[in-house]
Amino acid sequence: MKTIWFKKIGWIYVPITVIGILISLCVVFFCVTVFIAVDRHSHSVSDTLYGIFPFFVSAFTILFWIASNTSERKKDK
């Protein structure tokens, strides 16, 4: 039995269970925390963008991987 936490709508995955929502909120909380920490010590907008980029990409890649593996797959027609 496969647990479905996310539903694919177009190119994005939308959480449909409490676990999916918690995982998504954790990723958003992590990204906000990283943004605040990096922005505190940067001198320009480009410093902030260069500082947050690896963290945001990593976090959302992991979220996308979890969502794609815990979502319902469409059957080939």
N, C-alpha and C. Protein backbone atom coordinates (compact mmCIF):
# COMPACT_ATOMS: atom_id res chain seq x y z
N MET A 1 0.84 -1.18 0.00
CA MET A 1 0.00 0.00 0.00
C MET A 1 0.89 1.24 0.00
N LYS A 2 0.60 2.13 -0.91
CA LYS A 2 1.40 3.34 -1.05
C LYS A 2 0.66 4.53 -0.44
N THR A 3 1.36 5.28 0.38
CA THR A 3 0.79 6.47 0.98
C THR A 3 0.98 7.64 0.03
N ILE A 4 -0.09 8.37 -0.22
CA ILE A 4 -0.03 9.52 -1.13
C ILE A 4 -0.09 10.79 -0.30
N TRP A 5 1.01 11.56 -0.34
CA TRP A 5 1.11 12.79 0.44
C TRP A 5 0.90 14.03 -0.42
N PHE A 6 1.18 13.93 -1.72
CA PHE A 6 1.12 15.07 -2.62
C PHE A 6 0.30 14.73 -3.85
N LYS A 7 -0.24 15.75 -4.49
CA LYS A 7 -0.98 15.59 -5.73
C LYS A 7 -0.32 16.50 -6.77
N LYS A 8 -0.06 15.94 -7.94
CA LYS A 8 0.59 16.73 -8.99
C LYS A 8 -0.46 17.51 -9.75
N ILE A 9 -0.24 18.82 -9.81
CA ILE A 9 -1.11 19.71 -10.57
C ILE A 9 -0.21 20.52 -11.51
N GLY A 10 -0.24 20.17 -12.76
CA GLY A 10 0.66 20.83 -13.71
C GLY A 10 2.09 20.44 -13.42
N TRP A 11 2.93 21.42 -13.16
CA TRP A 11 4.35 21.18 -12.87
C TRP A 11 4.66 21.13 -11.39
N ILE A 12 3.69 21.44 -10.56
CA ILE A 12 3.96 21.51 -9.12
C ILE A 12 3.24 20.39 -8.38
N TYR A 13 3.68 20.15 -7.16
CA TYR A 13 3.05 19.17 -6.28
C TYR A 13 2.41 19.92 -5.12
N VAL A 14 1.16 19.59 -4.85
CA VAL A 14 0.41 20.23 -3.77
C VAL A 14 0.21 19.21 -2.66
N PRO A 15 0.55 19.58 -1.41
CA PRO A 15 0.36 18.62 -0.31
C PRO A 15 -1.12 18.40 -0.05
N ILE A 16 -1.48 17.13 0.14
CA ILE A 16 -2.89 16.80 0.38
C ILE A 16 -3.10 16.12 1.73
N THR A 17 -2.01 15.85 2.45
CA THR A 17 -2.13 15.25 3.78
C THR A 17 -1.37 16.12 4.78
N VAL A 18 -1.55 15.80 6.04
CA VAL A 18 -0.89 16.55 7.11
C VAL A 18 0.63 16.40 7.00
N ILE A 19 1.09 15.20 6.69
CA ILE A 19 2.54 14.98 6.56
C ILE A 19 3.11 15.81 5.41
N GLY A 20 2.41 15.86 4.30
CA GLY A 20 2.85 16.67 3.17
C GLY A 20 2.91 18.15 3.51
N ILE A 21 1.92 18.60 4.25
CA ILE A 21 1.89 20.01 4.66
C ILE A 21 3.04 20.29 5.62
N LEU A 22 3.30 19.39 6.57
CA LEU A 22 4.40 19.59 7.52
C LEU A 22 5.75 19.62 6.82
N ILE A 23 5.96 18.74 5.87
CA ILE A 23 7.22 18.73 5.12
C ILE A 23 7.38 20.03 4.35
N SER A 24 6.32 20.48 3.70
CA SER A 24 6.38 21.74 2.95
C SER A 24 6.64 22.93 3.86
N LEU A 25 5.99 22.96 5.02
CA LEU A 25 6.22 24.05 5.97
C LEU A 25 7.64 24.04 6.53
N CYS A 26 8.19 22.85 6.75
CA CYS A 26 9.58 22.76 7.22
C CYS A 26 10.54 23.32 6.19
N VAL A 27 10.30 23.02 4.92
CA VAL A 27 11.17 23.55 3.86
C VAL A 27 11.04 25.07 3.78
N VAL A 28 9.83 25.57 3.86
CA VAL A 28 9.63 27.03 3.82
C VAL A 28 10.27 27.69 5.03
N PHE A 29 10.10 27.11 6.21
CA PHE A 29 10.71 27.66 7.42
C PHE A 29 12.24 27.66 7.31
N PHE A 30 12.80 26.59 6.79
CA PHE A 30 14.24 26.52 6.58
C PHE A 30 14.71 27.61 5.63
N CYS A 31 13.99 27.80 4.53
CA CYS A 31 14.39 28.81 3.54
C CYS A 31 14.27 30.23 4.12
N VAL A 32 13.25 30.49 4.91
CA VAL A 32 13.11 31.81 5.55
C VAL A 32 14.25 32.05 6.53
N THR A 33 14.60 31.03 7.30
CA THR A 33 15.69 31.15 8.25
C THR A 33 17.02 31.40 7.55
N VAL A 34 17.27 30.68 6.47
CA VAL A 34 18.50 30.88 5.69
C VAL A 34 18.52 32.27 5.10
N PHE A 35 17.39 32.73 4.57
CA PHE A 35 17.33 34.07 3.99
C PHE A 35 17.67 35.13 5.03
N ILE A 36 17.09 35.02 6.20
CA ILE A 36 17.35 36.01 7.25
C ILE A 36 18.81 35.99 7.67
N ALA A 37 19.38 34.80 7.83
CA ALA A 37 20.78 34.69 8.26
C ALA A 37 21.73 35.22 7.19
N VAL A 38 21.48 34.92 5.93
CA VAL A 38 22.37 35.36 4.85
C VAL A 38 22.20 36.86 4.63
N ASP A 39 20.96 37.33 4.64
CA ASP A 39 20.70 38.74 4.37
C ASP A 39 21.27 39.65 5.45
N ARG A 40 21.38 39.15 6.66
CA ARG A 40 21.93 39.94 7.77
C ARG A 40 23.39 40.33 7.50
N HIS A 41 24.13 39.46 6.81
CA HIS A 41 25.55 39.69 6.61
C HIS A 41 25.93 40.08 5.18
N SER A 42 24.96 40.24 4.31
CA SER A 42 25.30 40.58 2.93
C SER A 42 25.24 42.09 2.72
N HIS A 43 25.97 42.53 1.70
CA HIS A 43 26.08 43.95 1.43
C HIS A 43 25.23 44.42 0.26
N SER A 44 24.73 43.48 -0.52
CA SER A 44 23.90 43.84 -1.67
C SER A 44 22.92 42.72 -1.97
N VAL A 45 22.04 43.01 -2.90
CA VAL A 45 21.06 42.01 -3.30
C VAL A 45 21.75 40.80 -3.92
N SER A 46 22.77 41.04 -4.72
CA SER A 46 23.46 39.91 -5.35
C SER A 46 24.18 39.04 -4.31
N ASP A 47 24.71 39.63 -3.24
CA ASP A 47 25.28 38.84 -2.16
C ASP A 47 24.23 37.92 -1.54
N THR A 48 23.05 38.46 -1.33
CA THR A 48 21.97 37.66 -0.75
C THR A 48 21.58 36.52 -1.69
N LEU A 49 21.41 36.83 -2.96
CA LEU A 49 21.03 35.80 -3.92
C LEU A 49 22.08 34.71 -4.04
N TYR A 50 23.35 35.09 -4.10
CA TYR A 50 24.43 34.09 -4.17
C TYR A 50 24.49 33.26 -2.88
N GLY A 51 24.17 33.86 -1.76
CA GLY A 51 24.23 33.15 -0.49
C GLY A 51 23.09 32.16 -0.29
N ILE A 52 21.88 32.53 -0.73
CA ILE A 52 20.73 31.65 -0.50
C ILE A 52 20.56 30.61 -1.59
N PHE A 53 21.12 30.82 -2.75
CA PHE A 53 20.88 29.94 -3.89
C PHE A 53 21.16 28.46 -3.60
N PRO A 54 22.33 28.09 -3.08
CA PRO A 54 22.57 26.66 -2.87
C PRO A 54 21.63 26.03 -1.85
N PHE A 55 21.25 26.79 -0.83
CA PHE A 55 20.34 26.25 0.19
C PHE A 55 18.92 26.08 -0.36
N PHE A 56 18.45 27.09 -1.09
CA PHE A 56 17.10 27.01 -1.65
C PHE A 56 17.00 25.89 -2.67
N VAL A 57 17.98 25.79 -3.56
CA VAL A 57 17.94 24.75 -4.59
C VAL A 57 17.98 23.37 -3.95
N SER A 58 18.83 23.18 -2.97
CA SER A 58 18.92 21.89 -2.29
C SER A 58 17.61 21.54 -1.58
N ALA A 59 17.06 22.50 -0.85
CA ALA A 59 15.83 22.24 -0.09
C ALA A 59 14.66 21.91 -1.02
N PHE A 60 14.50 22.69 -2.08
CA PHE A 60 13.38 22.44 -2.98
C PHE A 60 13.59 21.22 -3.87
N THR A 61 14.84 20.85 -4.13
CA THR A 61 15.11 19.61 -4.85
C THR A 61 14.70 18.40 -4.00
N ILE A 62 15.05 18.44 -2.73
CA ILE A 62 14.65 17.35 -1.83
C ILE A 62 13.14 17.30 -1.68
N LEU A 63 12.50 18.47 -1.55
CA LEU A 63 11.03 18.51 -1.46
C LEU A 63 10.40 17.95 -2.72
N PHE A 64 10.92 18.32 -3.88
CA PHE A 64 10.39 17.82 -5.15
C PHE A 64 10.57 16.31 -5.25
N TRP A 65 11.71 15.79 -4.79
CA TRP A 65 11.97 14.36 -4.84
C TRP A 65 10.99 13.61 -3.93
N ILE A 66 10.79 14.13 -2.72
CA ILE A 66 9.83 13.50 -1.80
C ILE A 66 8.43 13.54 -2.38
N ALA A 67 8.05 14.69 -2.93
CA ALA A 67 6.70 14.83 -3.49
C ALA A 67 6.50 13.92 -4.69
N SER A 68 7.50 13.80 -5.53
CA SER A 68 7.34 12.95 -6.72
C SER A 68 7.27 11.47 -6.35
N ASN A 69 7.91 11.09 -5.26
CA ASN A 69 7.87 9.69 -4.84
C ASN A 69 6.67 9.35 -3.96
N THR A 70 5.97 10.34 -3.48
CA THR A 70 4.79 10.09 -2.65
C THR A 70 3.53 10.67 -3.27
N SER A 71 3.50 10.76 -4.58
CA SER A 71 2.31 11.24 -5.26
C SER A 71 1.76 10.13 -6.15
N GLU A 72 0.54 10.33 -6.57
CA GLU A 72 -0.12 9.36 -7.43
C GLU A 72 0.41 9.51 -8.85
N ARG A 73 0.77 8.40 -9.43
CA ARG A 73 1.29 8.43 -10.80
C ARG A 73 0.18 8.11 -11.77
N LYS A 74 0.17 8.85 -12.88
CA LYS A 74 -0.82 8.59 -13.91
C LYS A 74 -0.39 7.36 -14.71
N LYS A 75 -1.36 6.55 -15.02
CA LYS A 75 -1.06 5.34 -15.79
C LYS A 75 -0.96 5.69 -17.26
N ASP A 76 -0.06 4.98 -17.97
CA ASP A 76 0.10 5.20 -19.41
C ASP A 76 -1.15 4.73 -20.13
N LYS A 77 -1.55 5.51 -21.11
CA LYS A 77 -2.75 5.14 -21.87
C LYS A 77 -2.38 4.58 -23.21
